[in-house]
Amino acid sequence: MSTTLQGKKIAFLVAPEGVEQVELTEPWTALRDAGAETVLVSTDSGEIQAFNHLDKGDTFPVDVTVGSTAVDEYDGLVLPGGVANPDFLRTKPDAVAFAQAFFTAGKPVAAICHAPWTLVEAGVVSQRTLTSWPSLQTDLRNAGATWVDQEVAVDSNGPNTLVTSRKPDDLPAFCKHAIDVFAS
């Protein structure tokens, strides 16, 4: 096992229902294999329900609720996708503030697929270059971002580094770049 992320603690922010399972589990495993401690943060305690596109997938235990943790406990944030996941999170002020605080603190963030919706709501994408699921490009542009259609975009034009990817097929590149950014 690589120790690239030894001593790093990474939060995964997800809704109680609707996260795309592979966009949670693959980065989770990659970061753990690189030595990070990963923490599942949600708006509610108990378990979250993941999905494989539109079909229910596995459930995962929540480690801590967003209202009972603080950004200073973490070295970075991962925002997995799925349509319902960020759509729910962007309506929850505590979740939006939690994501926003990583930018204020200058800590790295990695977001995949529809996850940048939460970042749009947090007001942190202006003058940043991002990729996402293609249907978000207008929302991102309207929020002041430059949207690109590529497997991964790494942007350091701001207080922190932001890694974004489009879809599950991009997970190998997403995980590699997230590990590199979280390690620095």
N, C-alpha and C. Protein backbone atom coordinates (compact mmCIF):
# COMPACT_ATOMS: atom_id res chain seq x y z
N MET A 1 0.83 -1.19 0.00
CA MET A 1 0.00 0.00 0.00
C MET A 1 0.87 1.25 0.00
N SER A 2 0.56 2.18 -0.85
CA SER A 2 1.27 3.46 -0.89
C SER A 2 0.93 4.27 0.34
N THR A 3 1.87 5.07 0.80
CA THR A 3 1.60 5.94 1.93
C THR A 3 1.52 7.39 1.51
N THR A 4 1.20 7.63 0.25
CA THR A 4 1.11 8.98 -0.29
C THR A 4 0.23 9.88 0.56
N LEU A 5 -0.89 9.36 1.05
CA LEU A 5 -1.84 10.17 1.82
C LEU A 5 -1.84 9.82 3.30
N GLN A 6 -0.77 9.18 3.75
CA GLN A 6 -0.68 8.81 5.16
C GLN A 6 -0.86 10.06 6.03
N GLY A 7 -1.76 9.96 7.01
CA GLY A 7 -2.00 11.09 7.90
C GLY A 7 -3.03 12.08 7.40
N LYS A 8 -3.52 11.90 6.19
CA LYS A 8 -4.53 12.79 5.62
C LYS A 8 -5.93 12.26 5.94
N LYS A 9 -6.83 13.17 6.21
CA LYS A 9 -8.22 12.83 6.51
C LYS A 9 -9.11 13.54 5.49
N ILE A 10 -9.85 12.77 4.72
CA ILE A 10 -10.65 13.30 3.61
C ILE A 10 -12.13 13.05 3.88
N ALA A 11 -12.93 14.12 3.79
CA ALA A 11 -14.38 14.03 3.95
C ALA A 11 -15.02 13.72 2.61
N PHE A 12 -16.03 12.85 2.64
CA PHE A 12 -16.89 12.57 1.49
C PHE A 12 -18.27 13.08 1.87
N LEU A 13 -18.76 14.12 1.22
CA LEU A 13 -20.06 14.70 1.54
C LEU A 13 -21.13 14.12 0.62
N VAL A 14 -22.13 13.46 1.21
CA VAL A 14 -23.19 12.83 0.42
C VAL A 14 -24.55 13.04 1.06
N ALA A 15 -25.58 13.00 0.23
CA ALA A 15 -26.96 13.10 0.68
C ALA A 15 -27.40 11.75 1.26
N PRO A 16 -28.48 11.75 2.03
CA PRO A 16 -28.98 10.49 2.58
C PRO A 16 -29.38 9.48 1.51
N GLU A 17 -29.71 9.96 0.32
CA GLU A 17 -30.12 9.07 -0.76
C GLU A 17 -29.74 9.69 -2.09
N GLY A 18 -29.20 8.86 -3.00
CA GLY A 18 -29.01 9.32 -4.37
C GLY A 18 -27.59 9.43 -4.86
N VAL A 19 -26.59 9.13 -4.03
CA VAL A 19 -25.22 9.19 -4.53
C VAL A 19 -25.00 8.05 -5.52
N GLU A 20 -24.27 8.34 -6.60
CA GLU A 20 -23.91 7.29 -7.56
C GLU A 20 -22.86 6.41 -6.89
N GLN A 21 -23.19 5.14 -6.68
CA GLN A 21 -22.35 4.26 -5.86
C GLN A 21 -20.91 4.21 -6.32
N VAL A 22 -20.66 4.01 -7.59
CA VAL A 22 -19.29 3.88 -8.08
C VAL A 22 -18.50 5.17 -7.89
N GLU A 23 -19.19 6.32 -7.91
CA GLU A 23 -18.51 7.59 -7.72
C GLU A 23 -18.21 7.86 -6.24
N LEU A 24 -18.79 7.06 -5.37
CA LEU A 24 -18.43 7.06 -3.95
C LEU A 24 -17.36 6.01 -3.67
N THR A 25 -17.60 4.79 -4.13
CA THR A 25 -16.74 3.67 -3.71
C THR A 25 -15.37 3.68 -4.37
N GLU A 26 -15.28 4.04 -5.64
CA GLU A 26 -13.95 4.02 -6.28
C GLU A 26 -13.01 5.07 -5.71
N PRO A 27 -13.42 6.34 -5.55
CA PRO A 27 -12.52 7.30 -4.91
C PRO A 27 -12.23 6.92 -3.45
N TRP A 28 -13.24 6.44 -2.74
CA TRP A 28 -13.08 6.01 -1.35
C TRP A 28 -11.97 4.96 -1.25
N THR A 29 -12.06 3.94 -2.09
CA THR A 29 -11.07 2.87 -2.08
C THR A 29 -9.69 3.37 -2.52
N ALA A 30 -9.65 4.18 -3.56
CA ALA A 30 -8.36 4.71 -4.05
C ALA A 30 -7.67 5.55 -2.98
N LEU A 31 -8.41 6.40 -2.30
CA LEU A 31 -7.82 7.25 -1.27
C LEU A 31 -7.39 6.42 -0.06
N ARG A 32 -8.20 5.45 0.31
CA ARG A 32 -7.83 4.55 1.41
C ARG A 32 -6.57 3.76 1.06
N ASP A 33 -6.52 3.23 -0.16
CA ASP A 33 -5.35 2.47 -0.60
C ASP A 33 -4.09 3.34 -0.61
N ALA A 34 -4.26 4.65 -0.80
CA ALA A 34 -3.13 5.58 -0.78
C ALA A 34 -2.79 6.04 0.63
N GLY A 35 -3.52 5.55 1.63
CA GLY A 35 -3.19 5.84 3.01
C GLY A 35 -4.07 6.83 3.73
N ALA A 36 -5.07 7.39 3.08
CA ALA A 36 -5.94 8.39 3.72
C ALA A 36 -6.97 7.75 4.63
N GLU A 37 -7.37 8.50 5.62
CA GLU A 37 -8.55 8.17 6.41
C GLU A 37 -9.72 8.83 5.71
N THR A 38 -10.76 8.09 5.40
CA THR A 38 -11.92 8.63 4.71
C THR A 38 -13.11 8.65 5.67
N VAL A 39 -13.90 9.73 5.59
CA VAL A 39 -15.00 9.93 6.52
C VAL A 39 -16.26 10.25 5.71
N LEU A 40 -17.31 9.47 5.94
CA LEU A 40 -18.58 9.69 5.25
C LEU A 40 -19.41 10.70 6.05
N VAL A 41 -19.62 11.87 5.44
CA VAL A 41 -20.35 12.97 6.06
C VAL A 41 -21.67 13.12 5.32
N SER A 42 -22.77 13.23 6.07
CA SER A 42 -24.07 13.43 5.45
C SER A 42 -24.91 14.39 6.30
N THR A 43 -26.05 14.74 5.77
CA THR A 43 -26.94 15.65 6.50
C THR A 43 -27.69 14.94 7.62
N ASP A 44 -27.83 13.63 7.51
CA ASP A 44 -28.55 12.84 8.50
C ASP A 44 -27.68 11.69 8.99
N SER A 45 -27.89 11.27 10.22
CA SER A 45 -27.15 10.13 10.75
C SER A 45 -27.77 8.83 10.23
N GLY A 46 -27.13 7.74 10.53
CA GLY A 46 -27.64 6.43 10.10
C GLY A 46 -26.89 5.90 8.90
N GLU A 47 -27.61 5.63 7.82
CA GLU A 47 -27.01 5.10 6.60
C GLU A 47 -27.45 5.95 5.41
N ILE A 48 -26.61 5.95 4.38
CA ILE A 48 -26.99 6.57 3.12
C ILE A 48 -27.32 5.46 2.13
N GLN A 49 -28.20 5.77 1.20
CA GLN A 49 -28.60 4.81 0.16
C GLN A 49 -27.94 5.23 -1.14
N ALA A 50 -27.04 4.39 -1.65
CA ALA A 50 -26.39 4.65 -2.92
C ALA A 50 -27.23 4.08 -4.06
N PHE A 51 -26.95 4.54 -5.26
CA PHE A 51 -27.66 4.08 -6.45
C PHE A 51 -26.67 3.70 -7.54
N ASN A 52 -27.07 2.74 -8.34
CA ASN A 52 -26.38 2.38 -9.58
C ASN A 52 -27.25 2.92 -10.69
N HIS A 53 -26.99 4.14 -11.06
CA HIS A 53 -27.81 4.94 -11.95
C HIS A 53 -29.18 5.12 -11.33
N LEU A 54 -30.22 4.45 -11.80
CA LEU A 54 -31.56 4.63 -11.23
C LEU A 54 -31.98 3.51 -10.28
N ASP A 55 -31.16 2.49 -10.15
CA ASP A 55 -31.48 1.35 -9.30
C ASP A 55 -30.77 1.47 -7.95
N LYS A 56 -31.48 1.08 -6.89
CA LYS A 56 -30.87 1.12 -5.57
C LYS A 56 -29.65 0.22 -5.53
N GLY A 57 -28.62 0.74 -4.90
CA GLY A 57 -27.39 -0.02 -4.69
C GLY A 57 -27.26 -0.38 -3.22
N ASP A 58 -26.07 -0.28 -2.72
CA ASP A 58 -25.78 -0.62 -1.32
C ASP A 58 -26.07 0.56 -0.40
N THR A 59 -26.11 0.27 0.88
CA THR A 59 -26.18 1.32 1.89
C THR A 59 -24.81 1.41 2.57
N PHE A 60 -24.51 2.59 3.10
CA PHE A 60 -23.23 2.83 3.75
C PHE A 60 -23.46 3.61 5.03
N PRO A 61 -22.75 3.26 6.10
CA PRO A 61 -22.96 3.96 7.38
C PRO A 61 -22.35 5.37 7.35
N VAL A 62 -23.10 6.31 7.89
CA VAL A 62 -22.63 7.69 8.01
C VAL A 62 -21.71 7.76 9.22
N ASP A 63 -20.55 8.36 9.03
CA ASP A 63 -19.61 8.52 10.14
C ASP A 63 -19.96 9.72 11.01
N VAL A 64 -20.40 10.81 10.36
CA VAL A 64 -20.68 12.04 11.09
C VAL A 64 -21.63 12.90 10.27
N THR A 65 -22.46 13.68 10.95
CA THR A 65 -23.35 14.59 10.22
C THR A 65 -22.63 15.91 9.97
N VAL A 66 -23.04 16.55 8.90
CA VAL A 66 -22.41 17.80 8.50
C VAL A 66 -22.53 18.86 9.59
N GLY A 67 -23.60 18.81 10.37
CA GLY A 67 -23.78 19.79 11.43
C GLY A 67 -22.96 19.54 12.68
N SER A 68 -22.31 18.38 12.75
CA SER A 68 -21.54 18.05 13.95
C SER A 68 -20.06 17.84 13.65
N THR A 69 -19.59 18.42 12.56
CA THR A 69 -18.18 18.32 12.21
C THR A 69 -17.73 19.67 11.67
N ALA A 70 -16.44 19.83 11.53
CA ALA A 70 -15.89 21.10 11.05
C ALA A 70 -14.81 20.85 10.00
N VAL A 71 -14.69 21.78 9.09
CA VAL A 71 -13.73 21.66 7.99
C VAL A 71 -12.30 21.53 8.50
N ASP A 72 -11.99 22.16 9.62
CA ASP A 72 -10.60 22.10 10.11
C ASP A 72 -10.18 20.70 10.55
N GLU A 73 -11.12 19.75 10.59
CA GLU A 73 -10.80 18.37 10.91
C GLU A 73 -10.29 17.58 9.70
N TYR A 74 -10.37 18.18 8.50
CA TYR A 74 -10.10 17.46 7.25
C TYR A 74 -9.02 18.15 6.42
N ASP A 75 -8.38 17.33 5.59
CA ASP A 75 -7.37 17.84 4.66
C ASP A 75 -7.93 18.06 3.27
N GLY A 76 -9.13 17.57 2.99
CA GLY A 76 -9.74 17.72 1.67
C GLY A 76 -11.16 17.19 1.66
N LEU A 77 -11.84 17.44 0.54
CA LEU A 77 -13.24 17.08 0.39
C LEU A 77 -13.45 16.41 -0.96
N VAL A 78 -14.22 15.32 -0.96
CA VAL A 78 -14.67 14.68 -2.19
C VAL A 78 -16.20 14.82 -2.25
N LEU A 79 -16.68 15.26 -3.42
CA LEU A 79 -18.10 15.36 -3.68
C LEU A 79 -18.45 14.38 -4.79
N PRO A 80 -18.97 13.20 -4.45
CA PRO A 80 -19.40 12.25 -5.46
C PRO A 80 -20.66 12.76 -6.17
N GLY A 81 -20.95 12.20 -7.33
CA GLY A 81 -22.09 12.63 -8.10
C GLY A 81 -23.32 11.77 -7.93
N GLY A 82 -24.01 11.62 -9.06
CA GLY A 82 -25.36 11.13 -9.06
C GLY A 82 -26.24 12.36 -9.16
N VAL A 83 -27.33 12.31 -9.86
CA VAL A 83 -28.17 13.49 -10.04
C VAL A 83 -28.80 13.93 -8.72
N ALA A 84 -29.38 12.99 -7.98
CA ALA A 84 -30.12 13.34 -6.76
C ALA A 84 -29.21 13.82 -5.64
N ASN A 85 -27.99 13.31 -5.57
CA ASN A 85 -27.09 13.64 -4.48
C ASN A 85 -26.81 15.14 -4.39
N PRO A 86 -26.20 15.77 -5.39
CA PRO A 86 -25.94 17.21 -5.27
C PRO A 86 -27.20 18.05 -5.35
N ASP A 87 -28.23 17.55 -6.02
CA ASP A 87 -29.48 18.30 -6.08
C ASP A 87 -30.06 18.45 -4.67
N PHE A 88 -29.95 17.42 -3.85
CA PHE A 88 -30.39 17.49 -2.46
C PHE A 88 -29.45 18.38 -1.65
N LEU A 89 -28.14 18.15 -1.76
CA LEU A 89 -27.17 18.88 -0.95
C LEU A 89 -27.25 20.39 -1.17
N ARG A 90 -27.50 20.81 -2.41
CA ARG A 90 -27.51 22.25 -2.67
C ARG A 90 -28.72 22.95 -2.06
N THR A 91 -29.67 22.19 -1.53
CA THR A 91 -30.82 22.78 -0.84
C THR A 91 -30.64 22.80 0.67
N LYS A 92 -29.53 22.31 1.16
CA LYS A 92 -29.27 22.22 2.60
C LYS A 92 -28.18 23.21 2.99
N PRO A 93 -28.52 24.30 3.67
CA PRO A 93 -27.52 25.32 4.01
C PRO A 93 -26.28 24.79 4.72
N ASP A 94 -26.44 23.82 5.63
CA ASP A 94 -25.27 23.27 6.32
C ASP A 94 -24.32 22.57 5.36
N ALA A 95 -24.87 21.84 4.40
CA ALA A 95 -24.04 21.13 3.43
C ALA A 95 -23.33 22.11 2.50
N VAL A 96 -24.05 23.13 2.05
CA VAL A 96 -23.45 24.14 1.16
C VAL A 96 -22.35 24.89 1.91
N ALA A 97 -22.60 25.27 3.15
CA ALA A 97 -21.59 25.98 3.94
C ALA A 97 -20.36 25.10 4.19
N PHE A 98 -20.58 23.82 4.41
CA PHE A 98 -19.47 22.89 4.62
C PHE A 98 -18.58 22.84 3.38
N ALA A 99 -19.18 22.67 2.19
CA ALA A 99 -18.40 22.65 0.95
C ALA A 99 -17.70 23.99 0.73
N GLN A 100 -18.40 25.07 0.94
CA GLN A 100 -17.83 26.41 0.75
C GLN A 100 -16.63 26.64 1.66
N ALA A 101 -16.71 26.14 2.88
CA ALA A 101 -15.64 26.36 3.86
C ALA A 101 -14.31 25.73 3.43
N PHE A 102 -14.33 24.68 2.63
CA PHE A 102 -13.09 24.11 2.12
C PHE A 102 -12.38 25.10 1.21
N PHE A 103 -13.14 25.87 0.45
CA PHE A 103 -12.56 26.89 -0.41
C PHE A 103 -12.01 28.04 0.41
N THR A 104 -12.77 28.49 1.39
CA THR A 104 -12.33 29.56 2.28
C THR A 104 -11.04 29.17 2.99
N ALA A 105 -10.94 27.91 3.40
CA ALA A 105 -9.77 27.42 4.11
C ALA A 105 -8.61 27.06 3.18
N GLY A 106 -8.83 27.11 1.86
CA GLY A 106 -7.77 26.79 0.91
C GLY A 106 -7.45 25.31 0.82
N LYS A 107 -8.44 24.47 1.13
CA LYS A 107 -8.23 23.02 1.11
C LYS A 107 -8.73 22.44 -0.21
N PRO A 108 -8.08 21.40 -0.72
CA PRO A 108 -8.45 20.83 -2.01
C PRO A 108 -9.82 20.15 -1.99
N VAL A 109 -10.47 20.22 -3.15
CA VAL A 109 -11.80 19.63 -3.34
C VAL A 109 -11.78 18.86 -4.65
N ALA A 110 -12.42 17.69 -4.66
CA ALA A 110 -12.58 16.89 -5.87
C ALA A 110 -14.07 16.60 -6.04
N ALA A 111 -14.61 16.88 -7.24
CA ALA A 111 -16.04 16.72 -7.50
C ALA A 111 -16.23 16.05 -8.86
N ILE A 112 -17.16 15.09 -8.92
CA ILE A 112 -17.36 14.36 -10.16
C ILE A 112 -18.83 14.38 -10.58
N CYS A 113 -19.05 14.36 -11.89
CA CYS A 113 -20.36 14.21 -12.50
C CYS A 113 -21.25 15.41 -12.20
N HIS A 114 -22.36 15.21 -11.48
CA HIS A 114 -23.28 16.29 -11.14
C HIS A 114 -22.87 17.05 -9.87
N ALA A 115 -21.84 16.60 -9.18
CA ALA A 115 -21.43 17.20 -7.90
C ALA A 115 -21.16 18.70 -7.97
N PRO A 116 -20.66 19.26 -9.08
CA PRO A 116 -20.45 20.71 -9.09
C PRO A 116 -21.70 21.55 -8.85
N TRP A 117 -22.89 20.97 -8.94
CA TRP A 117 -24.09 21.73 -8.57
C TRP A 117 -23.97 22.27 -7.15
N THR A 118 -23.44 21.48 -6.24
CA THR A 118 -23.25 21.93 -4.86
C THR A 118 -22.28 23.11 -4.83
N LEU A 119 -21.26 23.07 -5.68
CA LEU A 119 -20.28 24.15 -5.73
C LEU A 119 -20.86 25.42 -6.34
N VAL A 120 -21.76 25.27 -7.31
CA VAL A 120 -22.46 26.43 -7.86
C VAL A 120 -23.23 27.11 -6.74
N GLU A 121 -23.96 26.33 -5.97
CA GLU A 121 -24.75 26.89 -4.86
C GLU A 121 -23.86 27.55 -3.82
N ALA A 122 -22.67 27.01 -3.63
CA ALA A 122 -21.72 27.57 -2.66
C ALA A 122 -21.04 28.84 -3.17
N GLY A 123 -21.22 29.14 -4.45
CA GLY A 123 -20.65 30.36 -5.01
C GLY A 123 -19.15 30.33 -5.16
N VAL A 124 -18.59 29.17 -5.48
CA VAL A 124 -17.13 29.03 -5.52
C VAL A 124 -16.56 28.65 -6.89
N VAL A 125 -17.36 28.70 -7.94
CA VAL A 125 -16.86 28.27 -9.25
C VAL A 125 -16.49 29.42 -10.19
N SER A 126 -16.79 30.64 -9.83
CA SER A 126 -16.49 31.77 -10.70
C SER A 126 -14.99 31.85 -10.98
N GLN A 127 -14.65 32.05 -12.24
CA GLN A 127 -13.28 32.15 -12.73
C GLN A 127 -12.47 30.87 -12.52
N ARG A 128 -13.17 29.73 -12.40
CA ARG A 128 -12.52 28.43 -12.30
C ARG A 128 -12.83 27.64 -13.56
N THR A 129 -11.96 26.71 -13.92
CA THR A 129 -12.19 25.81 -15.05
C THR A 129 -12.58 24.46 -14.49
N LEU A 130 -13.76 23.98 -14.94
CA LEU A 130 -14.32 22.72 -14.44
C LEU A 130 -14.82 21.88 -15.58
N THR A 131 -14.95 20.60 -15.29
CA THR A 131 -15.71 19.71 -16.14
C THR A 131 -16.78 19.08 -15.27
N SER A 132 -17.74 18.44 -15.90
CA SER A 132 -18.86 17.83 -15.18
C SER A 132 -19.64 17.00 -16.17
N TRP A 133 -20.74 16.41 -15.69
CA TRP A 133 -21.69 15.81 -16.60
C TRP A 133 -22.14 16.93 -17.54
N PRO A 134 -22.24 16.68 -18.84
CA PRO A 134 -22.51 17.75 -19.80
C PRO A 134 -23.74 18.61 -19.51
N SER A 135 -24.76 18.08 -18.87
CA SER A 135 -25.97 18.87 -18.64
C SER A 135 -25.76 20.01 -17.64
N LEU A 136 -24.64 20.03 -16.93
CA LEU A 136 -24.36 21.10 -15.98
C LEU A 136 -23.61 22.28 -16.61
N GLN A 137 -23.17 22.14 -17.86
CA GLN A 137 -22.31 23.17 -18.42
C GLN A 137 -22.93 24.55 -18.41
N THR A 138 -24.21 24.68 -18.69
CA THR A 138 -24.86 25.99 -18.69
C THR A 138 -24.91 26.55 -17.27
N ASP A 139 -25.25 25.72 -16.29
CA ASP A 139 -25.26 26.17 -14.89
C ASP A 139 -23.88 26.67 -14.47
N LEU A 140 -22.85 25.93 -14.84
CA LEU A 140 -21.49 26.33 -14.46
C LEU A 140 -21.07 27.61 -15.16
N ARG A 141 -21.37 27.72 -16.45
CA ARG A 141 -21.05 28.96 -17.17
C ARG A 141 -21.81 30.15 -16.59
N ASN A 142 -23.09 29.95 -16.28
CA ASN A 142 -23.89 31.02 -15.68
C ASN A 142 -23.35 31.45 -14.32
N ALA A 143 -22.65 30.56 -13.64
CA ALA A 143 -22.05 30.86 -12.34
C ALA A 143 -20.64 31.43 -12.49
N GLY A 144 -20.19 31.66 -13.74
CA GLY A 144 -18.90 32.29 -13.97
C GLY A 144 -17.74 31.36 -14.23
N ALA A 145 -18.00 30.07 -14.35
CA ALA A 145 -16.93 29.10 -14.60
C ALA A 145 -16.70 28.92 -16.09
N THR A 146 -15.54 28.40 -16.42
CA THR A 146 -15.25 27.93 -17.76
C THR A 146 -15.45 26.43 -17.74
N TRP A 147 -16.34 25.93 -18.60
CA TRP A 147 -16.63 24.50 -18.64
C TRP A 147 -15.86 23.88 -19.78
N VAL A 148 -15.20 22.74 -19.52
CA VAL A 148 -14.46 22.01 -20.54
C VAL A 148 -14.95 20.57 -20.59
N ASP A 149 -14.91 19.99 -21.76
CA ASP A 149 -15.32 18.60 -21.94
C ASP A 149 -14.07 17.73 -22.03
N GLN A 150 -13.58 17.30 -20.87
CA GLN A 150 -12.41 16.44 -20.80
C GLN A 150 -12.52 15.57 -19.56
N GLU A 151 -11.76 14.47 -19.52
CA GLU A 151 -11.94 13.49 -18.45
C GLU A 151 -11.62 14.04 -17.07
N VAL A 152 -10.72 14.98 -16.97
CA VAL A 152 -10.41 15.59 -15.69
C VAL A 152 -9.94 17.02 -15.93
N ALA A 153 -10.33 17.90 -15.04
CA ALA A 153 -9.84 19.28 -15.04
C ALA A 153 -9.29 19.56 -13.65
N VAL A 154 -8.07 20.08 -13.60
CA VAL A 154 -7.45 20.45 -12.33
C VAL A 154 -7.24 21.96 -12.39
N ASP A 155 -7.89 22.68 -11.48
CA ASP A 155 -7.85 24.14 -11.49
C ASP A 155 -7.29 24.65 -10.16
N SER A 156 -6.26 25.48 -10.26
CA SER A 156 -5.68 26.10 -9.07
C SER A 156 -5.87 27.61 -9.08
N ASN A 157 -6.83 28.08 -9.86
CA ASN A 157 -7.10 29.52 -9.98
C ASN A 157 -8.04 29.95 -8.86
N GLY A 158 -7.57 29.93 -7.66
CA GLY A 158 -8.38 30.30 -6.52
C GLY A 158 -7.65 29.95 -5.24
N PRO A 159 -8.37 29.96 -4.14
CA PRO A 159 -7.70 29.70 -2.85
C PRO A 159 -7.30 28.25 -2.65
N ASN A 160 -7.79 27.37 -3.50
CA ASN A 160 -7.52 25.94 -3.35
C ASN A 160 -7.44 25.29 -4.73
N THR A 161 -7.08 24.03 -4.76
CA THR A 161 -7.07 23.28 -6.00
C THR A 161 -8.37 22.49 -6.10
N LEU A 162 -8.95 22.52 -7.29
CA LEU A 162 -10.22 21.85 -7.55
C LEU A 162 -10.02 20.84 -8.67
N VAL A 163 -10.38 19.58 -8.40
CA VAL A 163 -10.32 18.50 -9.38
C VAL A 163 -11.75 18.13 -9.74
N THR A 164 -12.05 18.11 -11.05
CA THR A 164 -13.39 17.71 -11.49
C THR A 164 -13.29 16.71 -12.63
N SER A 165 -14.31 15.85 -12.72
CA SER A 165 -14.43 14.89 -13.82
C SER A 165 -15.89 14.78 -14.22
N ARG A 166 -16.12 14.14 -15.39
CA ARG A 166 -17.46 14.13 -16.00
C ARG A 166 -18.35 12.99 -15.57
N LYS A 167 -17.79 11.77 -15.42
CA LYS A 167 -18.65 10.59 -15.33
C LYS A 167 -17.86 9.39 -14.81
N PRO A 168 -18.55 8.28 -14.53
CA PRO A 168 -17.85 7.10 -14.01
C PRO A 168 -16.69 6.62 -14.89
N ASP A 169 -16.79 6.75 -16.20
CA ASP A 169 -15.69 6.31 -17.06
C ASP A 169 -14.40 7.08 -16.78
N ASP A 170 -14.52 8.27 -16.18
CA ASP A 170 -13.36 9.11 -15.89
C ASP A 170 -12.75 8.83 -14.52
N LEU A 171 -13.31 7.88 -13.78
CA LEU A 171 -12.85 7.64 -12.42
C LEU A 171 -11.36 7.32 -12.29
N PRO A 172 -10.73 6.55 -13.17
CA PRO A 172 -9.29 6.33 -13.00
C PRO A 172 -8.49 7.65 -13.00
N ALA A 173 -8.78 8.53 -13.93
CA ALA A 173 -8.08 9.83 -13.98
C ALA A 173 -8.46 10.70 -12.79
N PHE A 174 -9.75 10.69 -12.44
CA PHE A 174 -10.23 11.47 -11.30
C PHE A 174 -9.51 11.04 -10.02
N CYS A 175 -9.45 9.75 -9.77
CA CYS A 175 -8.82 9.25 -8.56
C CYS A 175 -7.33 9.58 -8.54
N LYS A 176 -6.65 9.39 -9.65
CA LYS A 176 -5.22 9.68 -9.73
C LYS A 176 -4.94 11.15 -9.41
N HIS A 177 -5.69 12.05 -10.05
CA HIS A 177 -5.47 13.47 -9.83
C HIS A 177 -5.89 13.89 -8.43
N ALA A 178 -6.95 13.33 -7.90
CA ALA A 178 -7.37 13.65 -6.53
C ALA A 178 -6.28 13.25 -5.53
N ILE A 179 -5.73 12.06 -5.70
CA ILE A 179 -4.65 11.62 -4.82
C ILE A 179 -3.47 12.58 -4.91
N ASP A 180 -3.07 12.94 -6.13
CA ASP A 180 -1.94 13.87 -6.30
C ASP A 180 -2.20 15.20 -5.60
N VAL A 181 -3.42 15.73 -5.77
CA VAL A 181 -3.75 17.02 -5.18
C VAL A 181 -3.85 16.93 -3.66
N PHE A 182 -4.49 15.88 -3.15
CA PHE A 182 -4.60 15.74 -1.70
C PHE A 182 -3.24 15.49 -1.05
N ALA A 183 -2.30 14.91 -1.78
CA ALA A 183 -0.97 14.62 -1.23
C ALA A 183 -0.10 15.86 -1.13
N SER A 184 -0.40 16.88 -1.94
CA SER A 184 0.47 18.07 -1.95
C SER A 184 0.16 19.04 -0.83
